[in-house]
Amino acid sequence: MAVPKRKTGRAVTHARRSANNVLKPAPRSLCEQCGVVKLPHYVCGNCGTYNGREVLSTE
């Protein structure tokens, strides 16, 4: 079995692991009815529609 000759330094370890800590912005989409930016697969908070149907009353 392969064994490393020297200890891996802290900087090398942290640099390798830092690729997993990158934050990605949440995806966005536009509402079909009112055109407001919203999260995909969520009810629009502005007009209350989802998939072309009114789900919530926004009165």
PDB file of N, CA and C in Angstrom:
ATOM      1  N   MET A   1       0.839  -1.174   0.000  1.00  0.00           N
ATOM      2  CA  MET A   1       0.000   0.000   0.000  1.00  0.00           C
ATOM      3  C   MET A   1       0.888   1.242   0.000  1.00  0.00           C
ATOM      4  N   ALA A   2       0.472   2.257  -0.749  1.00  0.00           N
ATOM      5  CA  ALA A   2       1.272   3.474  -0.865  1.00  0.00           C
ATOM      6  C   ALA A   2       1.166   4.300   0.415  1.00  0.00           C
ATOM      7  N   VAL A   3       2.303   4.814   0.843  1.00  0.00           N
ATOM      8  CA  VAL A   3       2.364   5.633   2.042  1.00  0.00           C
ATOM      9  C   VAL A   3       3.067   6.935   1.671  1.00  0.00           C
ATOM     10  N   PRO A   4       2.523   8.112   2.043  1.00  0.00           N
ATOM     11  CA  PRO A   4       3.184   9.370   1.710  1.00  0.00           C
ATOM     12  C   PRO A   4       4.514   9.511   2.438  1.00  0.00           C
ATOM     13  N   LYS A   5       5.487  10.132   1.757  1.00  0.00           N
ATOM     14  CA  LYS A   5       6.795  10.318   2.366  1.00  0.00           C
ATOM     15  C   LYS A   5       6.792  11.444   3.387  1.00  0.00           C
ATOM     16  N   ARG A   6       5.962  12.468   3.148  1.00  0.00           N
ATOM     17  CA  ARG A   6       5.927  13.616   4.052  1.00  0.00           C
ATOM     18  C   ARG A   6       4.485  13.988   4.380  1.00  0.00           C
ATOM     19  N   LYS A   7       4.347  14.700   5.503  1.00  0.00           N
ATOM     20  CA  LYS A   7       3.026  15.150   5.928  1.00  0.00           C
ATOM     21  C   LYS A   7       2.518  16.232   4.966  1.00  0.00           C
ATOM     22  N   THR A   8       1.259  16.136   4.596  1.00  0.00           N
ATOM     23  CA  THR A   8       0.649  17.162   3.758  1.00  0.00           C
ATOM     24  C   THR A   8       0.397  18.397   4.610  1.00  0.00           C
ATOM     25  N   GLY A   9       0.845  19.529   4.114  1.00  0.00           N
ATOM     26  CA  GLY A   9       0.735  20.771   4.876  1.00  0.00           C
ATOM     27  C   GLY A   9      -0.702  21.255   5.005  1.00  0.00           C
ATOM     28  N   ARG A  10      -0.906  22.129   5.976  1.00  0.00           N
ATOM     29  CA  ARG A  10      -2.247  22.664   6.245  1.00  0.00           C
ATOM     30  C   ARG A  10      -2.756  23.479   5.066  1.00  0.00           C
ATOM     31  N   ALA A  11      -1.884  24.261   4.442  1.00  0.00           N
ATOM     32  CA  ALA A  11      -2.292  25.101   3.315  1.00  0.00           C
ATOM     33  C   ALA A  11      -2.745  24.258   2.130  1.00  0.00           C
ATOM     34  N   VAL A  12      -2.063  23.178   1.879  1.00  0.00           N
ATOM     35  CA  VAL A  12      -2.440  22.300   0.768  1.00  0.00           C
ATOM     36  C   VAL A  12      -3.784  21.640   1.049  1.00  0.00           C
ATOM     37  N   THR A  13      -3.981  21.200   2.266  1.00  0.00           N
ATOM     38  CA  THR A  13      -5.246  20.566   2.642  1.00  0.00           C
ATOM     39  C   THR A  13      -6.401  21.540   2.515  1.00  0.00           C
ATOM     40  N   HIS A  14      -6.232  22.760   3.008  1.00  0.00           N
ATOM     41  CA  HIS A  14      -7.299  23.751   2.956  1.00  0.00           C
ATOM     42  C   HIS A  14      -7.571  24.196   1.522  1.00  0.00           C
ATOM     43  N   ALA A  15      -6.543  24.302   0.719  1.00  0.00           N
ATOM     44  CA  ALA A  15      -6.741  24.702  -0.673  1.00  0.00           C
ATOM     45  C   ALA A  15      -7.521  23.632  -1.430  1.00  0.00           C
ATOM     46  N   ARG A  16      -7.270  22.381  -1.141  1.00  0.00           N
ATOM     47  CA  ARG A  16      -7.991  21.291  -1.805  1.00  0.00           C
ATOM     48  C   ARG A  16      -9.449  21.263  -1.376  1.00  0.00           C
ATOM     49  N   ARG A  17      -9.715  21.498  -0.117  1.00  0.00           N
ATOM     50  CA  ARG A  17     -11.077  21.438   0.396  1.00  0.00           C
ATOM     51  C   ARG A  17     -11.890  22.688   0.081  1.00  0.00           C
ATOM     52  N   SER A  18     -11.232  23.777  -0.281  1.00  0.00           N
ATOM     53  CA  SER A  18     -11.944  25.029  -0.495  1.00  0.00           C
ATOM     54  C   SER A  18     -12.854  24.979  -1.714  1.00  0.00           C
ATOM     55  N   ALA A  19     -12.615  24.067  -2.643  1.00  0.00           N
ATOM     56  CA  ALA A  19     -13.463  23.966  -3.829  1.00  0.00           C
ATOM     57  C   ALA A  19     -14.875  23.546  -3.454  1.00  0.00           C
ATOM     58  N   ASN A  20     -15.053  22.858  -2.338  1.00  0.00           N
ATOM     59  CA  ASN A  20     -16.381  22.419  -1.926  1.00  0.00           C
ATOM     60  C   ASN A  20     -17.152  23.502  -1.189  1.00  0.00           C
ATOM     61  N   ASN A  21     -16.506  24.593  -0.828  1.00  0.00           N
ATOM     62  CA  ASN A  21     -17.143  25.636  -0.039  1.00  0.00           C
ATOM     63  C   ASN A  21     -17.631  26.815  -0.872  1.00  0.00           C
ATOM     64  N   VAL A  22     -17.598  26.681  -2.197  1.00  0.00           N
ATOM     65  CA  VAL A  22     -18.019  27.776  -3.057  1.00  0.00           C
ATOM     66  C   VAL A  22     -19.538  27.870  -3.016  1.00  0.00           C
ATOM     67  N   LEU A  23     -20.057  29.059  -2.695  1.00  0.00           N
ATOM     68  CA  LEU A  23     -21.502  29.262  -2.646  1.00  0.00           C
ATOM     69  C   LEU A  23     -22.007  29.628  -4.029  1.00  0.00           C
ATOM     70  N   LYS A  24     -23.101  29.005  -4.420  1.00  0.00           N
ATOM     71  CA  LYS A  24     -23.709  29.299  -5.705  1.00  0.00           C
ATOM     72  C   LYS A  24     -25.027  30.031  -5.470  1.00  0.00           C
ATOM     73  N   PRO A  25     -25.342  31.033  -6.277  1.00  0.00           N
ATOM     74  CA  PRO A  25     -26.609  31.735  -6.081  1.00  0.00           C
ATOM     75  C   PRO A  25     -27.785  30.830  -6.409  1.00  0.00           C
ATOM     76  N   ALA A  26     -28.902  31.065  -5.739  1.00  0.00           N
ATOM     77  CA  ALA A  26     -30.097  30.270  -5.975  1.00  0.00           C
ATOM     78  C   ALA A  26     -30.614  30.535  -7.382  1.00  0.00           C
ATOM     79  N   PRO A  27     -31.148  29.519  -8.053  1.00  0.00           N
ATOM     80  CA  PRO A  27     -31.673  29.735  -9.400  1.00  0.00           C
ATOM     81  C   PRO A  27     -32.906  30.639  -9.356  1.00  0.00           C
ATOM     82  N   ARG A  28     -33.102  31.405 -10.390  1.00  0.00           N
ATOM     83  CA  ARG A  28     -34.228  32.337 -10.474  1.00  0.00           C
ATOM     84  C   ARG A  28     -34.978  32.089 -11.773  1.00  0.00           C
ATOM     85  N   SER A  29     -36.270  32.384 -11.759  1.00  0.00           N
ATOM     86  CA  SER A  29     -37.078  32.336 -12.968  1.00  0.00           C
ATOM     87  C   SER A  29     -38.084  33.463 -12.905  1.00  0.00           C
ATOM     88  N   LEU A  30     -38.770  33.700 -14.013  1.00  0.00           N
ATOM     89  CA  LEU A  30     -39.754  34.769 -14.088  1.00  0.00           C
ATOM     90  C   LEU A  30     -41.153  34.187 -13.999  1.00  0.00           C
ATOM     91  N   CYS A  31     -42.037  34.895 -13.321  1.00  0.00           N
ATOM     92  CA  CYS A  31     -43.429  34.495 -13.231  1.00  0.00           C
ATOM     93  C   CYS A  31     -44.070  34.675 -14.601  1.00  0.00           C
ATOM     94  N   GLU A  32     -44.874  33.699 -15.021  1.00  0.00           N
ATOM     95  CA  GLU A  32     -45.504  33.764 -16.334  1.00  0.00           C
ATOM     96  C   GLU A  32     -46.593  34.829 -16.389  1.00  0.00           C
ATOM     97  N   GLN A  33     -47.229  35.126 -15.254  1.00  0.00           N
ATOM     98  CA  GLN A  33     -48.341  36.067 -15.232  1.00  0.00           C
ATOM     99  C   GLN A  33     -47.869  37.514 -15.093  1.00  0.00           C
ATOM    100  N   CYS A  34     -47.066  37.781 -14.057  1.00  0.00           N
ATOM    101  CA  CYS A  34     -46.714  39.175 -13.761  1.00  0.00           C
ATOM    102  C   CYS A  34     -45.267  39.525 -14.104  1.00  0.00           C
ATOM    103  N   GLY A  35     -44.411  38.539 -14.367  1.00  0.00           N
ATOM    104  CA  GLY A  35     -43.035  38.815 -14.770  1.00  0.00           C
ATOM    105  C   GLY A  35     -42.080  39.114 -13.637  1.00  0.00           C
ATOM    106  N   VAL A  36     -42.485  38.867 -12.403  1.00  0.00           N
ATOM    107  CA  VAL A  36     -41.626  39.112 -11.243  1.00  0.00           C
ATOM    108  C   VAL A  36     -40.638  37.956 -11.101  1.00  0.00           C
ATOM    109  N   VAL A  37     -39.429  38.252 -10.635  1.00  0.00           N
ATOM    110  CA  VAL A  37     -38.419  37.217 -10.409  1.00  0.00           C
ATOM    111  C   VAL A  37     -38.834  36.393  -9.195  1.00  0.00           C
ATOM    112  N   LYS A  38     -38.799  35.055  -9.328  1.00  0.00           N
ATOM    113  CA  LYS A  38     -39.186  34.159  -8.240  1.00  0.00           C
ATOM    114  C   LYS A  38     -38.341  32.901  -8.311  1.00  0.00           C
ATOM    115  N   LEU A  39     -38.424  32.090  -7.271  1.00  0.00           N
ATOM    116  CA  LEU A  39     -37.737  30.806  -7.271  1.00  0.00           C
ATOM    117  C   LEU A  39     -38.504  29.822  -8.146  1.00  0.00           C
ATOM    118  N   PRO A  40     -37.812  28.964  -8.886  1.00  0.00           N
ATOM    119  CA  PRO A  40     -38.530  27.987  -9.699  1.00  0.00           C
ATOM    120  C   PRO A  40     -39.250  26.963  -8.824  1.00  0.00           C
ATOM    121  N   HIS A  41     -40.387  26.475  -9.302  1.00  0.00           N
ATOM    122  CA  HIS A  41     -41.220  25.482  -8.609  1.00  0.00           C
ATOM    123  C   HIS A  41     -41.813  26.024  -7.311  1.00  0.00           C
ATOM    124  N   TYR A  42     -41.993  27.340  -7.217  1.00  0.00           N
ATOM    125  CA  TYR A  42     -42.607  27.978  -6.059  1.00  0.00           C
ATOM    126  C   TYR A  42     -43.765  28.845  -6.532  1.00  0.00           C
ATOM    127  N   VAL A  43     -44.727  29.051  -5.665  1.00  0.00           N
ATOM    128  CA  VAL A  43     -45.839  29.940  -5.963  1.00  0.00           C
ATOM    129  C   VAL A  43     -45.314  31.370  -5.984  1.00  0.00           C
ATOM    130  N   CYS A  44     -45.770  32.159  -6.955  1.00  0.00           N
ATOM    131  CA  CYS A  44     -45.362  33.562  -7.049  1.00  0.00           C
ATOM    132  C   CYS A  44     -45.939  34.320  -5.868  1.00  0.00           C
ATOM    133  N   GLY A  45     -45.115  35.029  -5.155  1.00  0.00           N
ATOM    134  CA  GLY A  45     -45.570  35.791  -4.001  1.00  0.00           C
ATOM    135  C   GLY A  45     -46.299  37.059  -4.379  1.00  0.00           C
ATOM    136  N   ASN A  46     -46.116  37.516  -5.610  1.00  0.00           N
ATOM    137  CA  ASN A  46     -46.741  38.755  -6.042  1.00  0.00           C
ATOM    138  C   ASN A  46     -48.191  38.530  -6.494  1.00  0.00           C
ATOM    139  N   CYS A  47     -48.414  37.548  -7.371  1.00  0.00           N
ATOM    140  CA  CYS A  47     -49.760  37.339  -7.915  1.00  0.00           C
ATOM    141  C   CYS A  47     -50.403  36.040  -7.437  1.00  0.00           C
ATOM    142  N   GLY A  48     -49.674  35.150  -6.791  1.00  0.00           N
ATOM    143  CA  GLY A  48     -50.243  33.932  -6.224  1.00  0.00           C
ATOM    144  C   GLY A  48     -50.524  32.835  -7.223  1.00  0.00           C
ATOM    145  N   THR A  49     -49.841  32.834  -8.358  1.00  0.00           N
ATOM    146  CA  THR A  49     -50.073  31.793  -9.365  1.00  0.00           C
ATOM    147  C   THR A  49     -48.938  30.783  -9.368  1.00  0.00           C
ATOM    148  N   TYR A  50     -49.273  29.569  -9.814  1.00  0.00           N
ATOM    149  CA  TYR A  50     -48.280  28.520  -9.995  1.00  0.00           C
ATOM    150  C   TYR A  50     -48.708  27.709 -11.209  1.00  0.00           C
ATOM    151  N   ASN A  51     -47.829  27.598 -12.178  1.00  0.00           N
ATOM    152  CA  ASN A  51     -48.065  26.807 -13.386  1.00  0.00           C
ATOM    153  C   ASN A  51     -49.322  27.289 -14.130  1.00  0.00           C
ATOM    154  N   GLY A  52     -49.525  28.612 -14.161  1.00  0.00           N
ATOM    155  CA  GLY A  52     -50.632  29.189 -14.898  1.00  0.00           C
ATOM    156  C   GLY A  52     -51.962  29.200 -14.166  1.00  0.00           C
ATOM    157  N   ARG A  53     -52.018  28.704 -12.938  1.00  0.00           N
ATOM    158  CA  ARG A  53     -53.262  28.673 -12.169  1.00  0.00           C
ATOM    159  C   ARG A  53     -53.131  29.555 -10.936  1.00  0.00           C
ATOM    160  N   GLU A  54     -54.224  30.149 -10.513  1.00  0.00           N
ATOM    161  CA  GLU A  54     -54.207  30.932  -9.278  1.00  0.00           C
ATOM    162  C   GLU A  54     -54.343  29.979  -8.106  1.00  0.00           C
ATOM    163  N   VAL A  55     -53.341  29.946  -7.261  1.00  0.00           N
ATOM    164  CA  VAL A  55     -53.311  29.029  -6.121  1.00  0.00           C
ATOM    165  C   VAL A  55     -53.640  29.779  -4.836  1.00  0.00           C
ATOM    166  N   LEU A  56     -53.124  30.986  -4.703  1.00  0.00           N
ATOM    167  CA  LEU A  56     -53.365  31.806  -3.520  1.00  0.00           C
ATOM    168  C   LEU A  56     -54.096  33.069  -3.922  1.00  0.00           C
ATOM    169  N   SER A  57     -54.982  33.511  -3.064  1.00  0.00           N
ATOM    170  CA  SER A  57     -55.617  34.807  -3.318  1.00  0.00           C
ATOM    171  C   SER A  57     -54.752  35.897  -2.686  1.00  0.00           C
ATOM    172  N   THR A  58     -54.435  36.914  -3.458  1.00  0.00           N
ATOM    173  CA  THR A  58     -53.553  37.981  -2.973  1.00  0.00           C
ATOM    174  C   THR A  58     -54.351  39.262  -2.791  1.00  0.00           C
ATOM    175  N   GLU A  59     -55.494  39.184  -2.164  1.00  0.00           N
ATOM    176  CA  GLU A  59     -56.360  40.340  -1.952  1.00  0.00           C
ATOM    177  C   GLU A  59     -56.022  41.055  -0.687  1.00  0.00           C
TER     178      GLU A  59
END
